[in-house]
Amino acid sequence: MPKNTNKVDNTETINKIKEILETLKPYLNMDGGDVEFIEYKDKIVYVKLTGACAACMFSDETIKNGLYETIKMDVPEVEGVINVTL
């Protein structure tokens, strides 16, 4: 039976993204915040900032200059990081 070529397997990419987020957590934790991986879809990483980061006025900078730039270095196919509120 042939493989389904329409389904994209992002497991390796997701694992890389999760590893990167784990390395960034201590920096967020120092300020009372944290980050939770939600999903990776259509080249966008969805995360949830929690703790102090959830209400921080610099959360957009954390997403853009911290999380996105760091992830992009190791996973160049990523085109953005979006903070979701659940």
PDB file of N, CA and C in Angstrom:
ATOM      1  N   MET A   1       0.843  -1.178   0.000  1.00  0.00           N
ATOM      2  CA  MET A   1       0.000   0.000   0.000  1.00  0.00           C
ATOM      3  C   MET A   1       0.891   1.245   0.000  1.00  0.00           C
ATOM      4  N   PRO A   2       0.673   2.192  -0.916  1.00  0.00           N
ATOM      5  CA  PRO A   2       1.535   3.376  -0.982  1.00  0.00           C
ATOM      6  C   PRO A   2       1.309   4.303   0.209  1.00  0.00           C
ATOM      7  N   LYS A   3       2.378   5.013   0.539  1.00  0.00           N
ATOM      8  CA  LYS A   3       2.289   5.987   1.630  1.00  0.00           C
ATOM      9  C   LYS A   3       1.417   7.162   1.216  1.00  0.00           C
ATOM     10  N   ASN A   4       0.736   7.737   2.179  1.00  0.00           N
ATOM     11  CA  ASN A   4      -0.077   8.928   1.932  1.00  0.00           C
ATOM     12  C   ASN A   4       0.868  10.126   1.881  1.00  0.00           C
ATOM     13  N   THR A   5       1.135  10.618   0.683  1.00  0.00           N
ATOM     14  CA  THR A   5       2.081  11.722   0.518  1.00  0.00           C
ATOM     15  C   THR A   5       1.440  13.075   0.801  1.00  0.00           C
ATOM     16  N   ASN A   6       0.111  13.113   0.940  1.00  0.00           N
ATOM     17  CA  ASN A   6      -0.553  14.380   1.237  1.00  0.00           C
ATOM     18  C   ASN A   6      -0.376  14.793   2.689  1.00  0.00           C
ATOM     19  N   LYS A   7      -0.221  13.827   3.568  1.00  0.00           N
ATOM     20  CA  LYS A   7      -0.067  14.121   4.988  1.00  0.00           C
ATOM     21  C   LYS A   7       1.387  14.471   5.277  1.00  0.00           C
ATOM     22  N   VAL A   8       1.592  15.631   5.874  1.00  0.00           N
ATOM     23  CA  VAL A   8       2.939  16.088   6.191  1.00  0.00           C
ATOM     24  C   VAL A   8       3.277  15.630   7.597  1.00  0.00           C
ATOM     25  N   ASP A   9       4.417  14.960   7.743  1.00  0.00           N
ATOM     26  CA  ASP A   9       4.842  14.501   9.060  1.00  0.00           C
ATOM     27  C   ASP A   9       5.758  15.553   9.672  1.00  0.00           C
ATOM     28  N   ASN A  10       5.236  16.260  10.655  1.00  0.00           N
ATOM     29  CA  ASN A  10       5.984  17.324  11.310  1.00  0.00           C
ATOM     30  C   ASN A  10       6.608  16.894  12.626  1.00  0.00           C
ATOM     31  N   THR A  11       6.617  15.601  12.911  1.00  0.00           N
ATOM     32  CA  THR A  11       7.072  15.124  14.207  1.00  0.00           C
ATOM     33  C   THR A  11       8.480  15.602  14.531  1.00  0.00           C
ATOM     34  N   GLU A  12       9.388  15.494  13.586  1.00  0.00           N
ATOM     35  CA  GLU A  12      10.772  15.910  13.825  1.00  0.00           C
ATOM     36  C   GLU A  12      10.855  17.420  14.079  1.00  0.00           C
ATOM     37  N   THR A  13      10.140  18.193  13.287  1.00  0.00           N
ATOM     38  CA  THR A  13      10.124  19.646  13.455  1.00  0.00           C
ATOM     39  C   THR A  13       9.529  20.023  14.809  1.00  0.00           C
ATOM     40  N   ILE A  14       8.426  19.395  15.173  1.00  0.00           N
ATOM     41  CA  ILE A  14       7.779  19.672  16.457  1.00  0.00           C
ATOM     42  C   ILE A  14       8.717  19.344  17.608  1.00  0.00           C
ATOM     43  N   ASN A  15       9.407  18.223  17.517  1.00  0.00           N
ATOM     44  CA  ASN A  15      10.346  17.856  18.578  1.00  0.00           C
ATOM     45  C   ASN A  15      11.473  18.878  18.712  1.00  0.00           C
ATOM     46  N   LYS A  16      11.977  19.385  17.589  1.00  0.00           N
ATOM     47  CA  LYS A  16      13.015  20.420  17.621  1.00  0.00           C
ATOM     48  C   LYS A  16      12.489  21.683  18.289  1.00  0.00           C
ATOM     49  N   ILE A  17      11.283  22.091  17.904  1.00  0.00           N
ATOM     50  CA  ILE A  17      10.681  23.303  18.475  1.00  0.00           C
ATOM     51  C   ILE A  17      10.509  23.143  19.981  1.00  0.00           C
ATOM     52  N   LYS A  18      10.014  21.990  20.418  1.00  0.00           N
ATOM     53  CA  LYS A  18       9.823  21.745  21.849  1.00  0.00           C
ATOM     54  C   LYS A  18      11.156  21.792  22.599  1.00  0.00           C
ATOM     55  N   GLU A  19      12.203  21.231  22.000  1.00  0.00           N
ATOM     56  CA  GLU A  19      13.533  21.277  22.623  1.00  0.00           C
ATOM     57  C   GLU A  19      14.011  22.709  22.781  1.00  0.00           C
ATOM     58  N   ILE A  20      13.815  23.520  21.757  1.00  0.00           N
ATOM     59  CA  ILE A  20      14.227  24.927  21.810  1.00  0.00           C
ATOM     60  C   ILE A  20      13.456  25.662  22.899  1.00  0.00           C
ATOM     61  N   LEU A  21      12.153  25.436  22.961  1.00  0.00           N
ATOM     62  CA  LEU A  21      11.337  26.087  23.991  1.00  0.00           C
ATOM     63  C   LEU A  21      11.807  25.689  25.387  1.00  0.00           C
ATOM     64  N   GLU A  22      12.205  24.435  25.559  1.00  0.00           N
ATOM     65  CA  GLU A  22      12.711  23.984  26.863  1.00  0.00           C
ATOM     66  C   GLU A  22      13.976  24.742  27.258  1.00  0.00           C
ATOM     67  N   THR A  23      14.823  25.066  26.273  1.00  0.00           N
ATOM     68  CA  THR A  23      16.051  25.817  26.590  1.00  0.00           C
ATOM     69  C   THR A  23      15.746  27.271  26.936  1.00  0.00           C
ATOM     70  N   LEU A  24      14.602  27.782  26.463  1.00  0.00           N
ATOM     71  CA  LEU A  24      14.230  29.174  26.736  1.00  0.00           C
ATOM     72  C   LEU A  24      13.447  29.341  28.045  1.00  0.00           C
ATOM     73  N   LYS A  25      12.839  28.271  28.509  1.00  0.00           N
ATOM     74  CA  LYS A  25      12.007  28.339  29.714  1.00  0.00           C
ATOM     75  C   LYS A  25      12.721  28.930  30.929  1.00  0.00           C
ATOM     76  N   PRO A  26      13.976  28.562  31.207  1.00  0.00           N
ATOM     77  CA  PRO A  26      14.631  29.134  32.398  1.00  0.00           C
ATOM     78  C   PRO A  26      14.694  30.658  32.386  1.00  0.00           C
ATOM     79  N   TYR A  27      14.855  31.249  31.218  1.00  0.00           N
ATOM     80  CA  TYR A  27      14.903  32.705  31.113  1.00  0.00           C
ATOM     81  C   TYR A  27      13.545  33.320  31.429  1.00  0.00           C
ATOM     82  N   LEU A  28      12.492  32.691  30.944  1.00  0.00           N
ATOM     83  CA  LEU A  28      11.150  33.166  31.243  1.00  0.00           C
ATOM     84  C   LEU A  28      10.816  32.939  32.717  1.00  0.00           C
ATOM     85  N   ASN A  29      11.244  31.790  33.237  1.00  0.00           N
ATOM     86  CA  ASN A  29      10.984  31.458  34.644  1.00  0.00           C
ATOM     87  C   ASN A  29      11.630  32.459  35.590  1.00  0.00           C
ATOM     88  N   MET A  30      12.782  33.021  35.212  1.00  0.00           N
ATOM     89  CA  MET A  30      13.467  34.000  36.067  1.00  0.00           C
ATOM     90  C   MET A  30      12.594  35.230  36.318  1.00  0.00           C
ATOM     91  N   ASP A  31      11.713  35.531  35.373  1.00  0.00           N
ATOM     92  CA  ASP A  31      10.818  36.678  35.517  1.00  0.00           C
ATOM     93  C   ASP A  31       9.410  36.258  35.936  1.00  0.00           C
ATOM     94  N   GLY A  32       9.258  35.007  36.339  1.00  0.00           N
ATOM     95  CA  GLY A  32       7.967  34.524  36.805  1.00  0.00           C
ATOM     96  C   GLY A  32       7.031  34.061  35.702  1.00  0.00           C
ATOM     97  N   GLY A  33       7.567  33.864  34.502  1.00  0.00           N
ATOM     98  CA  GLY A  33       6.741  33.444  33.374  1.00  0.00           C
ATOM     99  C   GLY A  33       7.091  32.064  32.877  1.00  0.00           C
ATOM    100  N   ASP A  34       6.394  31.642  31.860  1.00  0.00           N
ATOM    101  CA  ASP A  34       6.647  30.343  31.252  1.00  0.00           C
ATOM    102  C   ASP A  34       6.033  30.331  29.854  1.00  0.00           C
ATOM    103  N   VAL A  35       6.334  29.292  29.103  1.00  0.00           N
ATOM    104  CA  VAL A  35       5.771  29.131  27.763  1.00  0.00           C
ATOM    105  C   VAL A  35       5.361  27.678  27.594  1.00  0.00           C
ATOM    106  N   GLU A  36       4.232  27.498  26.931  1.00  0.00           N
ATOM    107  CA  GLU A  36       3.691  26.169  26.684  1.00  0.00           C
ATOM    108  C   GLU A  36       3.500  25.995  25.178  1.00  0.00           C
ATOM    109  N   PHE A  37       4.017  24.907  24.627  1.00  0.00           N
ATOM    110  CA  PHE A  37       3.824  24.598  23.209  1.00  0.00           C
ATOM    111  C   PHE A  37       2.375  24.160  23.013  1.00  0.00           C
ATOM    112  N   ILE A  38       1.701  24.736  22.021  1.00  0.00           N
ATOM    113  CA  ILE A  38       0.330  24.356  21.709  1.00  0.00           C
ATOM    114  C   ILE A  38       0.296  23.497  20.444  1.00  0.00           C
ATOM    115  N   GLU A  39       0.786  24.048  19.323  1.00  0.00           N
ATOM    116  CA  GLU A  39       0.845  23.261  18.090  1.00  0.00           C
ATOM    117  C   GLU A  39       1.733  23.936  17.057  1.00  0.00           C
ATOM    118  N   TYR A  40       2.077  23.171  16.024  1.00  0.00           N
ATOM    119  CA  TYR A  40       2.810  23.684  14.872  1.00  0.00           C
ATOM    120  C   TYR A  40       1.980  23.353  13.650  1.00  0.00           C
ATOM    121  N   LYS A  41       1.548  24.394  12.933  1.00  0.00           N
ATOM    122  CA  LYS A  41       0.670  24.189  11.788  1.00  0.00           C
ATOM    123  C   LYS A  41       0.938  25.265  10.740  1.00  0.00           C
ATOM    124  N   ASP A  42       1.052  24.854   9.498  1.00  0.00           N
ATOM    125  CA  ASP A  42       1.248  25.779   8.371  1.00  0.00           C
ATOM    126  C   ASP A  42       2.432  26.717   8.605  1.00  0.00           C
ATOM    127  N   LYS A  43       3.529  26.154   9.109  1.00  0.00           N
ATOM    128  CA  LYS A  43       4.789  26.864   9.345  1.00  0.00           C
ATOM    129  C   LYS A  43       4.706  27.904  10.468  1.00  0.00           C
ATOM    130  N   ILE A  44       3.661  27.825  11.285  1.00  0.00           N
ATOM    131  CA  ILE A  44       3.481  28.739  12.414  1.00  0.00           C
ATOM    132  C   ILE A  44       3.508  27.935  13.706  1.00  0.00           C
ATOM    133  N   VAL A  45       4.248  28.445  14.689  1.00  0.00           N
ATOM    134  CA  VAL A  45       4.303  27.828  16.011  1.00  0.00           C
ATOM    135  C   VAL A  45       3.308  28.569  16.900  1.00  0.00           C
ATOM    136  N   TYR A  46       2.418  27.820  17.520  1.00  0.00           N
ATOM    137  CA  TYR A  46       1.441  28.388  18.448  1.00  0.00           C
ATOM    138  C   TYR A  46       1.874  28.034  19.868  1.00  0.00           C
ATOM    139  N   VAL A  47       2.022  29.052  20.688  1.00  0.00           N
ATOM    140  CA  VAL A  47       2.436  28.868  22.074  1.00  0.00           C
ATOM    141  C   VAL A  47       1.470  29.617  22.986  1.00  0.00           C
ATOM    142  N   LYS A  48       1.562  29.324  24.264  1.00  0.00           N
ATOM    143  CA  LYS A  48       0.788  30.060  25.252  1.00  0.00           C
ATOM    144  C   LYS A  48       1.757  30.556  26.314  1.00  0.00           C
ATOM    145  N   LEU A  49       1.870  31.874  26.436  1.00  0.00           N
ATOM    146  CA  LEU A  49       2.679  32.451  27.491  1.00  0.00           C
ATOM    147  C   LEU A  49       1.863  32.395  28.781  1.00  0.00           C
ATOM    148  N   THR A  50       2.495  31.970  29.859  1.00  0.00           N
ATOM    149  CA  THR A  50       1.790  31.841  31.128  1.00  0.00           C
ATOM    150  C   THR A  50       2.541  32.574  32.228  1.00  0.00           C
ATOM    151  N   GLY A  51       1.941  32.599  33.403  1.00  0.00           N
ATOM    152  CA  GLY A  51       2.553  33.285  34.536  1.00  0.00           C
ATOM    153  C   GLY A  51       2.662  34.769  34.255  1.00  0.00           C
ATOM    154  N   ALA A  52       3.761  35.365  34.693  1.00  0.00           N
ATOM    155  CA  ALA A  52       3.969  36.802  34.510  1.00  0.00           C
ATOM    156  C   ALA A  52       4.017  37.189  33.030  1.00  0.00           C
ATOM    157  N   CYS A  53       4.430  36.274  32.180  1.00  0.00           N
ATOM    158  CA  CYS A  53       4.520  36.575  30.742  1.00  0.00           C
ATOM    159  C   CYS A  53       3.144  36.792  30.104  1.00  0.00           C
ATOM    160  N   ALA A  54       2.125  36.171  30.664  1.00  0.00           N
ATOM    161  CA  ALA A  54       0.788  36.264  30.076  1.00  0.00           C
ATOM    162  C   ALA A  54       0.273  37.697  30.051  1.00  0.00           C
ATOM    163  N   ALA A  55       0.606  38.467  31.080  1.00  0.00           N
ATOM    164  CA  ALA A  55       0.084  39.840  31.173  1.00  0.00           C
ATOM    165  C   ALA A  55       1.163  40.897  30.963  1.00  0.00           C
ATOM    166  N   CYS A  56       2.342  40.481  30.605  1.00  0.00           N
ATOM    167  CA  CYS A  56       3.465  41.407  30.463  1.00  0.00           C
ATOM    168  C   CYS A  56       3.299  42.281  29.225  1.00  0.00           C
ATOM    169  N   MET A  57       3.606  43.560  29.369  1.00  0.00           N
ATOM    170  CA  MET A  57       3.487  44.460  28.225  1.00  0.00           C
ATOM    171  C   MET A  57       4.580  44.220  27.185  1.00  0.00           C
ATOM    172  N   PHE A  58       5.581  43.426  27.540  1.00  0.00           N
ATOM    173  CA  PHE A  58       6.659  43.109  26.603  1.00  0.00           C
ATOM    174  C   PHE A  58       6.490  41.721  25.970  1.00  0.00           C
ATOM    175  N   SER A  59       5.311  41.124  26.113  1.00  0.00           N
ATOM    176  CA  SER A  59       5.116  39.766  25.596  1.00  0.00           C
ATOM    177  C   SER A  59       5.296  39.695  24.078  1.00  0.00           C
ATOM    178  N   ASP A  60       4.895  40.738  23.354  1.00  0.00           N
ATOM    179  CA  ASP A  60       5.101  40.742  21.897  1.00  0.00           C
ATOM    180  C   ASP A  60       6.587  40.714  21.555  1.00  0.00           C
ATOM    181  N   GLU A  61       7.390  41.439  22.325  1.00  0.00           N
ATOM    182  CA  GLU A  61       8.842  41.431  22.112  1.00  0.00           C
ATOM    183  C   GLU A  61       9.429  40.065  22.446  1.00  0.00           C
ATOM    184  N   THR A  62       8.914  39.438  23.504  1.00  0.00           N
ATOM    185  CA  THR A  62       9.368  38.095  23.882  1.00  0.00           C
ATOM    186  C   THR A  62       9.095  37.122  22.754  1.00  0.00           C
ATOM    187  N   ILE A  63       7.905  37.221  22.171  1.00  0.00           N
ATOM    188  CA  ILE A  63       7.538  36.336  21.058  1.00  0.00           C
ATOM    189  C   ILE A  63       8.434  36.593  19.856  1.00  0.00           C
ATOM    190  N   LYS A  64       8.528  37.841  19.441  1.00  0.00           N
ATOM    191  CA  LYS A  64       9.245  38.197  18.206  1.00  0.00           C
ATOM    192  C   LYS A  64      10.762  38.055  18.340  1.00  0.00           C
ATOM    193  N   ASN A  65      11.336  38.700  19.330  1.00  0.00           N
ATOM    194  CA  ASN A  65      12.796  38.749  19.435  1.00  0.00           C
ATOM    195  C   ASN A  65      13.398  37.609  20.250  1.00  0.00           C
ATOM    196  N   GLY A  66      12.579  36.942  21.029  1.00  0.00           N
ATOM    197  CA  GLY A  66      13.084  35.834  21.831  1.00  0.00           C
ATOM    198  C   GLY A  66      12.749  34.497  21.205  1.00  0.00           C
ATOM    199  N   LEU A  67      11.490  34.152  21.265  1.00  0.00           N
ATOM    200  CA  LEU A  67      11.072  32.825  20.803  1.00  0.00           C
ATOM    201  C   LEU A  67      11.246  32.643  19.295  1.00  0.00           C
ATOM    202  N   TYR A  68      10.689  33.559  18.514  1.00  0.00           N
ATOM    203  CA  TYR A  68      10.738  33.397  17.054  1.00  0.00           C
ATOM    204  C   TYR A  68      12.172  33.368  16.532  1.00  0.00           C
ATOM    205  N   GLU A  69      12.961  34.354  16.922  1.00  0.00           N
ATOM    206  CA  GLU A  69      14.330  34.428  16.402  1.00  0.00           C
ATOM    207  C   GLU A  69      15.150  33.198  16.793  1.00  0.00           C
ATOM    208  N   THR A  70      14.952  32.699  18.003  1.00  0.00           N
ATOM    209  CA  THR A  70      15.702  31.529  18.461  1.00  0.00           C
ATOM    210  C   THR A  70      15.251  30.280  17.717  1.00  0.00           C
ATOM    211  N   ILE A  71      13.956  30.104  17.567  1.00  0.00           N
ATOM    212  CA  ILE A  71      13.445  28.936  16.838  1.00  0.00           C
ATOM    213  C   ILE A  71      13.888  28.984  15.381  1.00  0.00           C
ATOM    214  N   LYS A  72      13.805  30.155  14.771  1.00  0.00           N
ATOM    215  CA  LYS A  72      14.147  30.323  13.346  1.00  0.00           C
ATOM    216  C   LYS A  72      15.600  29.915  13.047  1.00  0.00           C
ATOM    217  N   MET A  73      16.494  30.120  14.015  1.00  0.00           N
ATOM    218  CA  MET A  73      17.903  29.746  13.798  1.00  0.00           C
ATOM    219  C   MET A  73      18.059  28.250  13.543  1.00  0.00           C
ATOM    220  N   ASP A  74      17.304  27.428  14.256  1.00  0.00           N
ATOM    221  CA  ASP A  74      17.432  25.972  14.121  1.00  0.00           C
ATOM    222  C   ASP A  74      16.361  25.337  13.245  1.00  0.00           C
ATOM    223  N   VAL A  75      15.242  26.038  13.066  1.00  0.00           N
ATOM    224  CA  VAL A  75      14.142  25.514  12.255  1.00  0.00           C
ATOM    225  C   VAL A  75      13.732  26.608  11.263  1.00  0.00           C
ATOM    226  N   PRO A  76      14.524  26.778  10.202  1.00  0.00           N
ATOM    227  CA  PRO A  76      14.320  27.907   9.286  1.00  0.00           C
ATOM    228  C   PRO A  76      12.973  27.924   8.562  1.00  0.00           C
ATOM    229  N   GLU A  77      12.284  26.790   8.510  1.00  0.00           N
ATOM    230  CA  GLU A  77      10.987  26.771   7.829  1.00  0.00           C
ATOM    231  C   GLU A  77       9.883  27.469   8.629  1.00  0.00           C
ATOM    232  N   VAL A  78      10.131  27.725   9.898  1.00  0.00           N
ATOM    233  CA  VAL A  78       9.143  28.415  10.731  1.00  0.00           C
ATOM    234  C   VAL A  78       9.009  29.861  10.259  1.00  0.00           C
ATOM    235  N   GLU A  79       7.763  30.293  10.039  1.00  0.00           N
ATOM    236  CA  GLU A  79       7.512  31.642   9.541  1.00  0.00           C
ATOM    237  C   GLU A  79       6.908  32.568  10.584  1.00  0.00           C
ATOM    238  N   GLY A  80       6.624  32.044  11.773  1.00  0.00           N
ATOM    239  CA  GLY A  80       6.075  32.891  12.803  1.00  0.00           C
ATOM    240  C   GLY A  80       5.775  32.135  14.081  1.00  0.00           C
ATOM    241  N   VAL A  81       5.630  32.898  15.149  1.00  0.00           N
ATOM    242  CA  VAL A  81       5.224  32.355  16.450  1.00  0.00           C
ATOM    243  C   VAL A  81       4.070  33.218  16.932  1.00  0.00           C
ATOM    244  N   ILE A  82       2.989  32.568  17.326  1.00  0.00           N
ATOM    245  CA  ILE A  82       1.794  33.274  17.772  1.00  0.00           C
ATOM    246  C   ILE A  82       1.444  32.825  19.181  1.00  0.00           C
ATOM    247  N   ASN A  83       1.208  33.806  20.044  1.00  0.00           N
ATOM    248  CA  ASN A  83       0.755  33.532  21.400  1.00  0.00           C
ATOM    249  C   ASN A  83      -0.767  33.415  21.369  1.00  0.00           C
ATOM    250  N   VAL A  84      -1.263  32.289  21.848  1.00  0.00           N
ATOM    251  CA  VAL A  84      -2.705  32.074  21.894  1.00  0.00           C
ATOM    252  C   VAL A  84      -3.191  32.172  23.332  1.00  0.00           C
ATOM    253  N   THR A  85      -4.377  32.655  23.494  1.00  0.00           N
ATOM    254  CA  THR A  85      -4.982  32.694  24.824  1.00  0.00           C
ATOM    255  C   THR A  85      -6.121  31.696  24.822  1.00  0.00           C
ATOM    256  N   LEU A  86      -6.014  30.723  25.703  1.00  0.00           N
ATOM    257  CA  LEU A  86      -7.029  29.664  25.755  1.00  0.00           C
ATOM    258  C   LEU A  86      -7.951  29.860  26.923  1.00  0.00           C
TER     259      LEU A  86
END
